[in-house]
Amino acid sequence: MVLILGACLGGNGTIIGASANIIVVGMAEKRGVLISFIGFLRIAFPMMLMSIVISTGYLMIWYLHGHLPAAVVALGVGAVLAVLTKPLKNRLVRTAEKESDNEY
């Protein structure tokens, strides 16, 4: 199970790490939303690290105490992180209008 989580979550740190990331960035560009590689990396890489840490904690709790306490802790931590990372959205996404405003 550890190998599965590492392989699945490890690719989410960069645009090219997971096929879903490539598709979403392409769809966003068609709609005028520009997502740069470095901008994506600044937000997604720490999130990937956090998800791996949470998964490791979940597996440790699951192994030591069973699946129910592990699920409760994982859902609680996930909810807290969802609330804390909501302000990061505007740092990642730039529209074409904002890009044209920055040009001279």
N, C-alpha and C. Protein backbone atom coordinates (compact mmCIF):
# COMPACT_ATOMS: atom_id res chain seq x y z
N MET A 1 0.82 -1.19 0.00
CA MET A 1 0.00 0.00 0.00
C MET A 1 0.87 1.26 0.00
N VAL A 2 2.01 1.21 0.65
CA VAL A 2 2.90 2.36 0.69
C VAL A 2 3.40 2.71 -0.71
N LEU A 3 3.77 1.72 -1.47
CA LEU A 3 4.26 1.95 -2.83
C LEU A 3 3.16 2.56 -3.70
N ILE A 4 1.95 2.10 -3.53
CA ILE A 4 0.82 2.64 -4.30
C ILE A 4 0.61 4.12 -3.99
N LEU A 5 0.60 4.47 -2.70
CA LEU A 5 0.41 5.87 -2.32
C LEU A 5 1.55 6.74 -2.81
N GLY A 6 2.78 6.26 -2.69
CA GLY A 6 3.92 7.05 -3.15
C GLY A 6 3.89 7.30 -4.64
N ALA A 7 3.56 6.28 -5.41
CA ALA A 7 3.51 6.44 -6.86
C ALA A 7 2.36 7.34 -7.28
N CYS A 8 1.24 7.22 -6.62
CA CYS A 8 0.06 8.01 -6.97
C CYS A 8 0.24 9.49 -6.59
N LEU A 9 0.68 9.73 -5.38
CA LEU A 9 0.77 11.11 -4.89
C LEU A 9 2.04 11.81 -5.35
N GLY A 10 3.08 11.07 -5.64
CA GLY A 10 4.35 11.68 -6.04
C GLY A 10 4.28 12.43 -7.35
N GLY A 11 3.41 12.03 -8.24
CA GLY A 11 3.30 12.70 -9.53
C GLY A 11 2.54 14.00 -9.50
N ASN A 12 1.91 14.33 -8.40
CA ASN A 12 1.09 15.53 -8.33
C ASN A 12 1.88 16.80 -8.06
N GLY A 13 3.19 16.71 -7.90
CA GLY A 13 3.99 17.87 -7.58
C GLY A 13 4.31 18.77 -8.76
N THR A 14 4.24 18.26 -9.98
CA THR A 14 4.54 19.07 -11.16
C THR A 14 3.43 18.89 -12.20
N ILE A 15 3.42 19.77 -13.17
CA ILE A 15 2.42 19.67 -14.23
C ILE A 15 2.61 18.38 -15.02
N ILE A 16 3.85 18.02 -15.31
CA ILE A 16 4.11 16.84 -16.13
C ILE A 16 4.16 15.55 -15.33
N GLY A 17 3.97 15.62 -14.02
CA GLY A 17 4.04 14.43 -13.18
C GLY A 17 2.82 13.54 -13.26
N ALA A 18 1.70 14.10 -13.65
CA ALA A 18 0.46 13.32 -13.75
C ALA A 18 -0.30 13.76 -14.99
N SER A 19 -0.90 12.82 -15.67
CA SER A 19 -1.61 13.14 -16.91
C SER A 19 -2.80 14.06 -16.64
N ALA A 20 -3.44 13.92 -15.50
CA ALA A 20 -4.57 14.80 -15.17
C ALA A 20 -4.12 16.25 -15.08
N ASN A 21 -2.93 16.50 -14.56
CA ASN A 21 -2.42 17.87 -14.47
C ASN A 21 -2.23 18.47 -15.86
N ILE A 22 -1.71 17.70 -16.79
CA ILE A 22 -1.50 18.18 -18.15
C ILE A 22 -2.83 18.52 -18.81
N ILE A 23 -3.81 17.68 -18.62
CA ILE A 23 -5.13 17.92 -19.22
C ILE A 23 -5.77 19.17 -18.64
N VAL A 24 -5.70 19.34 -17.33
CA VAL A 24 -6.32 20.50 -16.69
C VAL A 24 -5.63 21.79 -17.13
N VAL A 25 -4.32 21.80 -17.21
CA VAL A 25 -3.61 23.00 -17.65
C VAL A 25 -3.97 23.33 -19.10
N GLY A 26 -4.08 22.32 -19.95
CA GLY A 26 -4.49 22.56 -21.33
C GLY A 26 -5.89 23.11 -21.43
N MET A 27 -6.81 22.58 -20.64
CA MET A 27 -8.18 23.08 -20.65
C MET A 27 -8.24 24.50 -20.10
N ALA A 28 -7.43 24.80 -19.10
CA ALA A 28 -7.42 26.15 -18.53
C ALA A 28 -6.90 27.16 -19.56
N GLU A 29 -5.87 26.79 -20.31
CA GLU A 29 -5.34 27.70 -21.33
C GLU A 29 -6.37 28.00 -22.41
N LYS A 30 -7.18 27.01 -22.78
CA LYS A 30 -8.23 27.25 -23.77
C LYS A 30 -9.26 28.26 -23.27
N ARG A 31 -9.41 28.35 -21.97
CA ARG A 31 -10.38 29.27 -21.37
C ARG A 31 -9.75 30.59 -20.93
N GLY A 32 -8.49 30.80 -21.27
CA GLY A 32 -7.84 32.07 -20.97
C GLY A 32 -7.17 32.14 -19.62
N VAL A 33 -7.03 31.02 -18.94
CA VAL A 33 -6.37 31.00 -17.64
C VAL A 33 -4.98 30.41 -17.84
N LEU A 34 -3.95 31.20 -17.51
CA LEU A 34 -2.58 30.77 -17.72
C LEU A 34 -2.00 30.23 -16.41
N ILE A 35 -1.49 29.02 -16.45
CA ILE A 35 -0.85 28.42 -15.29
C ILE A 35 0.58 28.09 -15.69
N SER A 36 1.53 28.78 -15.09
CA SER A 36 2.94 28.54 -15.44
C SER A 36 3.46 27.31 -14.70
N PHE A 37 4.54 26.74 -15.25
CA PHE A 37 5.13 25.55 -14.64
C PHE A 37 5.66 25.87 -13.25
N ILE A 38 6.37 26.98 -13.11
CA ILE A 38 6.93 27.36 -11.81
C ILE A 38 5.82 27.74 -10.83
N GLY A 39 4.81 28.44 -11.31
CA GLY A 39 3.68 28.79 -10.44
C GLY A 39 2.97 27.55 -9.92
N PHE A 40 2.79 26.58 -10.80
CA PHE A 40 2.17 25.32 -10.39
C PHE A 40 3.07 24.60 -9.39
N LEU A 41 4.37 24.59 -9.67
CA LEU A 41 5.33 23.90 -8.80
C LEU A 41 5.36 24.52 -7.41
N ARG A 42 5.30 25.84 -7.32
CA ARG A 42 5.34 26.52 -6.02
C ARG A 42 4.17 26.11 -5.12
N ILE A 43 3.03 25.89 -5.71
CA ILE A 43 1.86 25.51 -4.93
C ILE A 43 1.74 24.00 -4.79
N ALA A 44 1.91 23.28 -5.89
CA ALA A 44 1.63 21.84 -5.89
C ALA A 44 2.68 21.01 -5.17
N PHE A 45 3.95 21.41 -5.25
CA PHE A 45 4.99 20.59 -4.63
C PHE A 45 4.85 20.53 -3.11
N PRO A 46 4.65 21.66 -2.42
CA PRO A 46 4.41 21.55 -0.98
C PRO A 46 3.13 20.77 -0.65
N MET A 47 2.11 20.93 -1.50
CA MET A 47 0.87 20.18 -1.27
C MET A 47 1.11 18.68 -1.44
N MET A 48 1.94 18.32 -2.42
CA MET A 48 2.27 16.92 -2.62
C MET A 48 3.02 16.38 -1.40
N LEU A 49 3.97 17.15 -0.89
CA LEU A 49 4.71 16.71 0.29
C LEU A 49 3.77 16.53 1.49
N MET A 50 2.83 17.48 1.64
CA MET A 50 1.87 17.35 2.75
C MET A 50 1.00 16.12 2.58
N SER A 51 0.57 15.83 1.36
CA SER A 51 -0.27 14.66 1.15
C SER A 51 0.49 13.37 1.42
N ILE A 52 1.77 13.35 1.11
CA ILE A 52 2.57 12.16 1.41
C ILE A 52 2.76 12.02 2.92
N VAL A 53 2.98 13.12 3.62
CA VAL A 53 3.12 13.07 5.08
C VAL A 53 1.81 12.61 5.72
N ILE A 54 0.69 13.13 5.25
CA ILE A 54 -0.61 12.72 5.78
C ILE A 54 -0.84 11.23 5.51
N SER A 55 -0.50 10.78 4.32
CA SER A 55 -0.68 9.36 3.98
C SER A 55 0.20 8.47 4.85
N THR A 56 1.42 8.93 5.11
CA THR A 56 2.31 8.16 5.98
C THR A 56 1.74 8.09 7.39
N GLY A 57 1.24 9.22 7.88
CA GLY A 57 0.61 9.22 9.20
C GLY A 57 -0.61 8.32 9.26
N TYR A 58 -1.40 8.37 8.20
CA TYR A 58 -2.58 7.51 8.13
C TYR A 58 -2.18 6.04 8.19
N LEU A 59 -1.18 5.67 7.42
CA LEU A 59 -0.74 4.27 7.43
C LEU A 59 -0.18 3.85 8.78
N MET A 60 0.52 4.75 9.44
CA MET A 60 1.06 4.42 10.77
C MET A 60 -0.06 4.23 11.78
N ILE A 61 -1.04 5.14 11.77
CA ILE A 61 -2.18 5.01 12.68
C ILE A 61 -2.99 3.76 12.35
N TRP A 62 -3.19 3.51 11.06
CA TRP A 62 -3.94 2.33 10.63
C TRP A 62 -3.25 1.05 11.09
N TYR A 63 -1.94 1.03 10.97
CA TYR A 63 -1.18 -0.16 11.37
C TYR A 63 -1.21 -0.36 12.88
N LEU A 64 -1.11 0.73 13.63
CA LEU A 64 -1.02 0.62 15.10
C LEU A 64 -2.38 0.54 15.79
N HIS A 65 -3.41 1.24 15.26
CA HIS A 65 -4.68 1.36 15.98
C HIS A 65 -5.90 0.88 15.22
N GLY A 66 -5.80 0.62 13.94
CA GLY A 66 -6.95 0.17 13.17
C GLY A 66 -7.42 1.24 12.19
N HIS A 67 -8.37 0.84 11.35
CA HIS A 67 -8.77 1.73 10.26
C HIS A 67 -9.68 2.88 10.68
N LEU A 68 -10.53 2.70 11.68
CA LEU A 68 -11.47 3.77 12.06
C LEU A 68 -10.77 4.99 12.65
N PRO A 69 -9.89 4.84 13.65
CA PRO A 69 -9.17 6.04 14.13
C PRO A 69 -8.33 6.71 13.05
N ALA A 70 -7.75 5.91 12.18
CA ALA A 70 -6.94 6.47 11.10
C ALA A 70 -7.81 7.29 10.14
N ALA A 71 -8.99 6.80 9.83
CA ALA A 71 -9.88 7.52 8.93
C ALA A 71 -10.35 8.84 9.55
N VAL A 72 -10.66 8.83 10.83
CA VAL A 72 -11.11 10.06 11.52
C VAL A 72 -10.00 11.11 11.52
N VAL A 73 -8.80 10.70 11.84
CA VAL A 73 -7.67 11.63 11.86
C VAL A 73 -7.39 12.16 10.45
N ALA A 74 -7.39 11.30 9.45
CA ALA A 74 -7.12 11.74 8.08
C ALA A 74 -8.18 12.71 7.58
N LEU A 75 -9.44 12.46 7.87
CA LEU A 75 -10.49 13.39 7.44
C LEU A 75 -10.37 14.73 8.15
N GLY A 76 -10.05 14.70 9.43
CA GLY A 76 -9.86 15.95 10.17
C GLY A 76 -8.72 16.78 9.63
N VAL A 77 -7.59 16.15 9.40
CA VAL A 77 -6.43 16.86 8.86
C VAL A 77 -6.73 17.36 7.45
N GLY A 78 -7.40 16.57 6.64
CA GLY A 78 -7.76 17.00 5.30
C GLY A 78 -8.68 18.21 5.30
N ALA A 79 -9.64 18.24 6.21
CA ALA A 79 -10.55 19.39 6.31
C ALA A 79 -9.80 20.65 6.71
N VAL A 80 -8.90 20.52 7.67
CA VAL A 80 -8.12 21.68 8.11
C VAL A 80 -7.24 22.20 6.97
N LEU A 81 -6.58 21.30 6.25
CA LEU A 81 -5.74 21.73 5.14
C LEU A 81 -6.55 22.36 4.01
N ALA A 82 -7.74 21.87 3.77
CA ALA A 82 -8.59 22.45 2.73
C ALA A 82 -8.94 23.90 3.07
N VAL A 83 -9.21 24.17 4.32
CA VAL A 83 -9.52 25.54 4.74
C VAL A 83 -8.28 26.42 4.66
N LEU A 84 -7.14 25.88 5.05
CA LEU A 84 -5.91 26.68 5.07
C LEU A 84 -5.38 26.99 3.68
N THR A 85 -5.60 26.12 2.71
CA THR A 85 -5.02 26.32 1.39
C THR A 85 -5.93 27.06 0.43
N LYS A 86 -7.13 27.38 0.81
CA LYS A 86 -8.04 28.10 -0.09
C LYS A 86 -7.47 29.45 -0.55
N PRO A 87 -6.80 30.22 0.31
CA PRO A 87 -6.23 31.49 -0.17
C PRO A 87 -5.11 31.34 -1.20
N LEU A 88 -4.55 30.16 -1.35
CA LEU A 88 -3.47 29.95 -2.31
C LEU A 88 -3.94 29.93 -3.76
N LYS A 89 -5.24 29.83 -3.97
CA LYS A 89 -5.77 29.72 -5.33
C LYS A 89 -5.37 30.91 -6.19
N ASN A 90 -5.45 32.11 -5.67
CA ASN A 90 -5.15 33.30 -6.46
C ASN A 90 -3.67 33.43 -6.78
N ARG A 91 -2.82 32.77 -6.04
CA ARG A 91 -1.39 32.80 -6.33
C ARG A 91 -1.05 31.90 -7.51
N LEU A 92 -1.86 30.90 -7.76
CA LEU A 92 -1.57 29.94 -8.81
C LEU A 92 -2.15 30.34 -10.15
N VAL A 93 -3.36 30.86 -10.15
CA VAL A 93 -4.09 31.10 -11.39
C VAL A 93 -3.96 32.57 -11.80
N ARG A 94 -3.54 32.77 -13.06
CA ARG A 94 -3.50 34.11 -13.63
C ARG A 94 -4.29 34.09 -14.92
N THR A 95 -5.14 35.03 -15.11
CA THR A 95 -5.92 35.08 -16.34
C THR A 95 -5.15 35.84 -17.41
N ALA A 96 -5.58 35.70 -18.64
CA ALA A 96 -4.94 36.39 -19.75
C ALA A 96 -5.05 37.91 -19.58
N GLU A 97 -6.12 38.39 -18.97
CA GLU A 97 -6.28 39.82 -18.74
C GLU A 97 -5.18 40.35 -17.83
N LYS A 98 -4.88 39.63 -16.76
CA LYS A 98 -3.82 40.07 -15.86
C LYS A 98 -2.47 40.06 -16.55
N GLU A 99 -2.23 39.10 -17.44
CA GLU A 99 -0.98 39.04 -18.18
C GLU A 99 -0.85 40.23 -19.10
N SER A 100 -1.94 40.64 -19.77
CA SER A 100 -1.86 41.76 -20.70
C SER A 100 -1.67 43.07 -19.94
N ASP A 101 -2.15 43.15 -18.71
CA ASP A 101 -1.95 44.35 -17.88
C ASP A 101 -0.48 44.50 -17.49
N ASN A 102 0.23 43.40 -17.37
CA ASN A 102 1.64 43.44 -16.96
C ASN A 102 2.57 43.76 -18.12
N GLU A 103 2.08 43.67 -19.36
CA GLU A 103 2.93 43.98 -20.51
C GLU A 103 3.05 45.49 -20.68
N TYR A 104 4.14 45.92 -21.27
CA TYR A 104 4.37 47.37 -21.43
C TYR A 104 3.82 47.84 -22.73
